Amino acid sequence: MLEEEKVRRLVKKLRAKSQSQAIRIAIDSLLFAEEVMAHVEELRRRGTVRDGSKRPTGG
């Protein structure tokens, strides 16, 4: 069972034409984001990408 109010909010936020479309978009978006992050983590392991939030200390 899905929480009806949350589904309505999702439909509105995504400007979907139906509840089913909104749920499909949300699922696809989450899976895509996870896939992207897996690739980013792999690049970090290889040393190809640095974490921009890590700033040198001292001065």
N, C-alpha and C. Protein backbone atom coordinates (compact mmCIF):
# COMPACT_ATOMS: atom_id res chain seq x y z
N MET A 1 0.82 -1.19 0.00
CA MET A 1 0.00 0.00 0.00
C MET A 1 0.87 1.26 0.00
N LEU A 2 0.50 2.19 -0.79
CA LEU A 2 1.19 3.47 -0.86
C LEU A 2 0.40 4.52 -0.08
N GLU A 3 1.10 5.46 0.48
CA GLU A 3 0.44 6.55 1.18
C GLU A 3 -0.08 7.55 0.16
N GLU A 4 -1.39 7.65 0.08
CA GLU A 4 -2.05 8.45 -0.96
C GLU A 4 -1.57 9.90 -1.00
N GLU A 5 -1.45 10.52 0.15
CA GLU A 5 -1.02 11.93 0.20
C GLU A 5 0.38 12.10 -0.38
N LYS A 6 1.28 11.18 -0.06
CA LYS A 6 2.65 11.26 -0.59
C LYS A 6 2.66 11.07 -2.10
N VAL A 7 1.83 10.17 -2.58
CA VAL A 7 1.74 9.95 -4.02
C VAL A 7 1.20 11.19 -4.71
N ARG A 8 0.18 11.82 -4.13
CA ARG A 8 -0.36 13.06 -4.71
C ARG A 8 0.71 14.15 -4.76
N ARG A 9 1.48 14.27 -3.68
CA ARG A 9 2.56 15.27 -3.64
C ARG A 9 3.61 14.97 -4.71
N LEU A 10 3.92 13.69 -4.89
CA LEU A 10 4.89 13.28 -5.90
C LEU A 10 4.41 13.63 -7.30
N VAL A 11 3.14 13.35 -7.58
CA VAL A 11 2.56 13.67 -8.88
C VAL A 11 2.67 15.16 -9.15
N LYS A 12 2.33 15.96 -8.16
CA LYS A 12 2.38 17.41 -8.32
C LYS A 12 3.82 17.88 -8.53
N LYS A 13 4.73 17.39 -7.70
CA LYS A 13 6.13 17.83 -7.78
C LYS A 13 6.75 17.48 -9.13
N LEU A 14 6.45 16.29 -9.62
CA LEU A 14 7.02 15.85 -10.90
C LEU A 14 6.20 16.30 -12.10
N ARG A 15 5.05 16.92 -11.83
CA ARG A 15 4.14 17.34 -12.90
C ARG A 15 3.79 16.17 -13.82
N ALA A 16 3.57 15.03 -13.17
CA ALA A 16 3.25 13.81 -13.90
C ALA A 16 1.78 13.81 -14.31
N LYS A 17 1.47 13.03 -15.31
CA LYS A 17 0.10 12.94 -15.81
C LYS A 17 -0.71 11.92 -15.02
N SER A 18 -0.02 11.04 -14.29
CA SER A 18 -0.73 10.03 -13.51
C SER A 18 0.13 9.60 -12.32
N GLN A 19 -0.49 8.90 -11.40
CA GLN A 19 0.26 8.38 -10.26
C GLN A 19 1.28 7.36 -10.72
N SER A 20 0.91 6.52 -11.66
CA SER A 20 1.84 5.50 -12.17
C SER A 20 3.06 6.15 -12.81
N GLN A 21 2.85 7.19 -13.59
CA GLN A 21 3.96 7.87 -14.23
C GLN A 21 4.88 8.49 -13.18
N ALA A 22 4.31 9.10 -12.16
CA ALA A 22 5.11 9.72 -11.11
C ALA A 22 5.96 8.68 -10.39
N ILE A 23 5.38 7.54 -10.11
CA ILE A 23 6.13 6.48 -9.42
C ILE A 23 7.23 5.94 -10.31
N ARG A 24 6.95 5.75 -11.60
CA ARG A 24 8.00 5.29 -12.52
C ARG A 24 9.14 6.29 -12.60
N ILE A 25 8.82 7.57 -12.68
CA ILE A 25 9.85 8.62 -12.75
C ILE A 25 10.69 8.60 -11.47
N ALA A 26 10.04 8.49 -10.33
CA ALA A 26 10.76 8.49 -9.05
C ALA A 26 11.69 7.28 -8.95
N ILE A 27 11.22 6.12 -9.35
CA ILE A 27 12.04 4.91 -9.31
C ILE A 27 13.23 5.06 -10.26
N ASP A 28 12.96 5.49 -11.49
CA ASP A 28 14.04 5.67 -12.46
C ASP A 28 15.08 6.67 -11.97
N SER A 29 14.62 7.75 -11.36
CA SER A 29 15.53 8.78 -10.87
C SER A 29 16.43 8.25 -9.76
N LEU A 30 15.85 7.50 -8.84
CA LEU A 30 16.63 6.93 -7.75
C LEU A 30 17.66 5.94 -8.27
N LEU A 31 17.24 5.06 -9.16
CA LEU A 31 18.17 4.07 -9.71
C LEU A 31 19.29 4.74 -10.51
N PHE A 32 18.96 5.79 -11.26
CA PHE A 32 19.98 6.51 -12.02
C PHE A 32 20.97 7.19 -11.08
N ALA A 33 20.47 7.82 -10.03
CA ALA A 33 21.34 8.49 -9.06
C ALA A 33 22.29 7.50 -8.40
N GLU A 34 21.79 6.33 -8.05
CA GLU A 34 22.64 5.31 -7.45
C GLU A 34 23.72 4.85 -8.42
N GLU A 35 23.36 4.72 -9.68
CA GLU A 35 24.32 4.30 -10.70
C GLU A 35 25.41 5.36 -10.88
N VAL A 36 25.01 6.61 -10.93
CA VAL A 36 25.98 7.71 -11.07
C VAL A 36 26.93 7.73 -9.88
N MET A 37 26.38 7.60 -8.68
CA MET A 37 27.22 7.63 -7.48
C MET A 37 28.19 6.44 -7.44
N ALA A 38 27.77 5.30 -7.94
CA ALA A 38 28.67 4.14 -8.01
C ALA A 38 29.85 4.45 -8.93
N HIS A 39 29.58 5.12 -10.04
CA HIS A 39 30.66 5.50 -10.96
C HIS A 39 31.58 6.54 -10.32
N VAL A 40 31.01 7.49 -9.62
CA VAL A 40 31.81 8.52 -8.94
C VAL A 40 32.71 7.86 -7.90
N GLU A 41 32.16 6.94 -7.13
CA GLU A 41 32.96 6.23 -6.12
C GLU A 41 34.10 5.46 -6.77
N GLU A 42 33.84 4.85 -7.91
CA GLU A 42 34.89 4.12 -8.63
C GLU A 42 35.99 5.08 -9.08
N LEU A 43 35.61 6.25 -9.58
CA LEU A 43 36.60 7.24 -9.99
C LEU A 43 37.41 7.73 -8.79
N ARG A 44 36.76 7.90 -7.64
CA ARG A 44 37.48 8.30 -6.43
C ARG A 44 38.49 7.24 -6.02
N ARG A 45 38.08 5.97 -6.09
CA ARG A 45 39.00 4.88 -5.74
C ARG A 45 40.22 4.89 -6.64
N ARG A 46 40.01 5.21 -7.90
CA ARG A 46 41.12 5.26 -8.85
C ARG A 46 41.98 6.51 -8.66
N GLY A 47 41.45 7.47 -7.92
CA GLY A 47 42.18 8.72 -7.74
C GLY A 47 41.94 9.71 -8.86
N THR A 48 40.96 9.46 -9.68
CA THR A 48 40.66 10.32 -10.81
C THR A 48 39.85 11.54 -10.40
N VAL A 49 39.06 11.40 -9.34
CA VAL A 49 38.20 12.49 -8.87
C VAL A 49 38.55 12.77 -7.42
N ARG A 50 38.71 14.04 -7.10
CA ARG A 50 38.96 14.44 -5.72
C ARG A 50 37.69 15.02 -5.13
N ASP A 51 37.57 14.91 -3.82
CA ASP A 51 36.43 15.47 -3.11
C ASP A 51 36.69 16.96 -2.94
N GLY A 52 35.92 17.80 -3.61
CA GLY A 52 36.11 19.24 -3.58
C GLY A 52 35.85 19.87 -2.23
N SER A 53 35.18 19.16 -1.35
CA SER A 53 34.90 19.75 -0.03
C SER A 53 36.08 19.61 0.93
N LYS A 54 37.05 18.81 0.58
CA LYS A 54 38.23 18.64 1.43
C LYS A 54 39.22 19.76 1.12
N ARG A 55 39.31 20.68 2.04
CA ARG A 55 40.18 21.83 1.83
C ARG A 55 41.41 21.71 2.71
N PRO A 56 42.53 22.21 2.22
CA PRO A 56 43.75 22.15 3.04
C PRO A 56 43.57 22.96 4.33
N THR A 57 44.16 22.46 5.39
CA THR A 57 44.11 23.18 6.65
C THR A 57 45.47 23.81 6.92
N GLY A 58 45.49 24.70 7.90
CA GLY A 58 46.75 25.37 8.23
C GLY A 58 46.91 26.62 7.38
N GLY A 59 48.10 27.14 7.42
CA GLY A 59 48.12 28.31 6.59
C GLY A 59 49.32 29.07 6.62
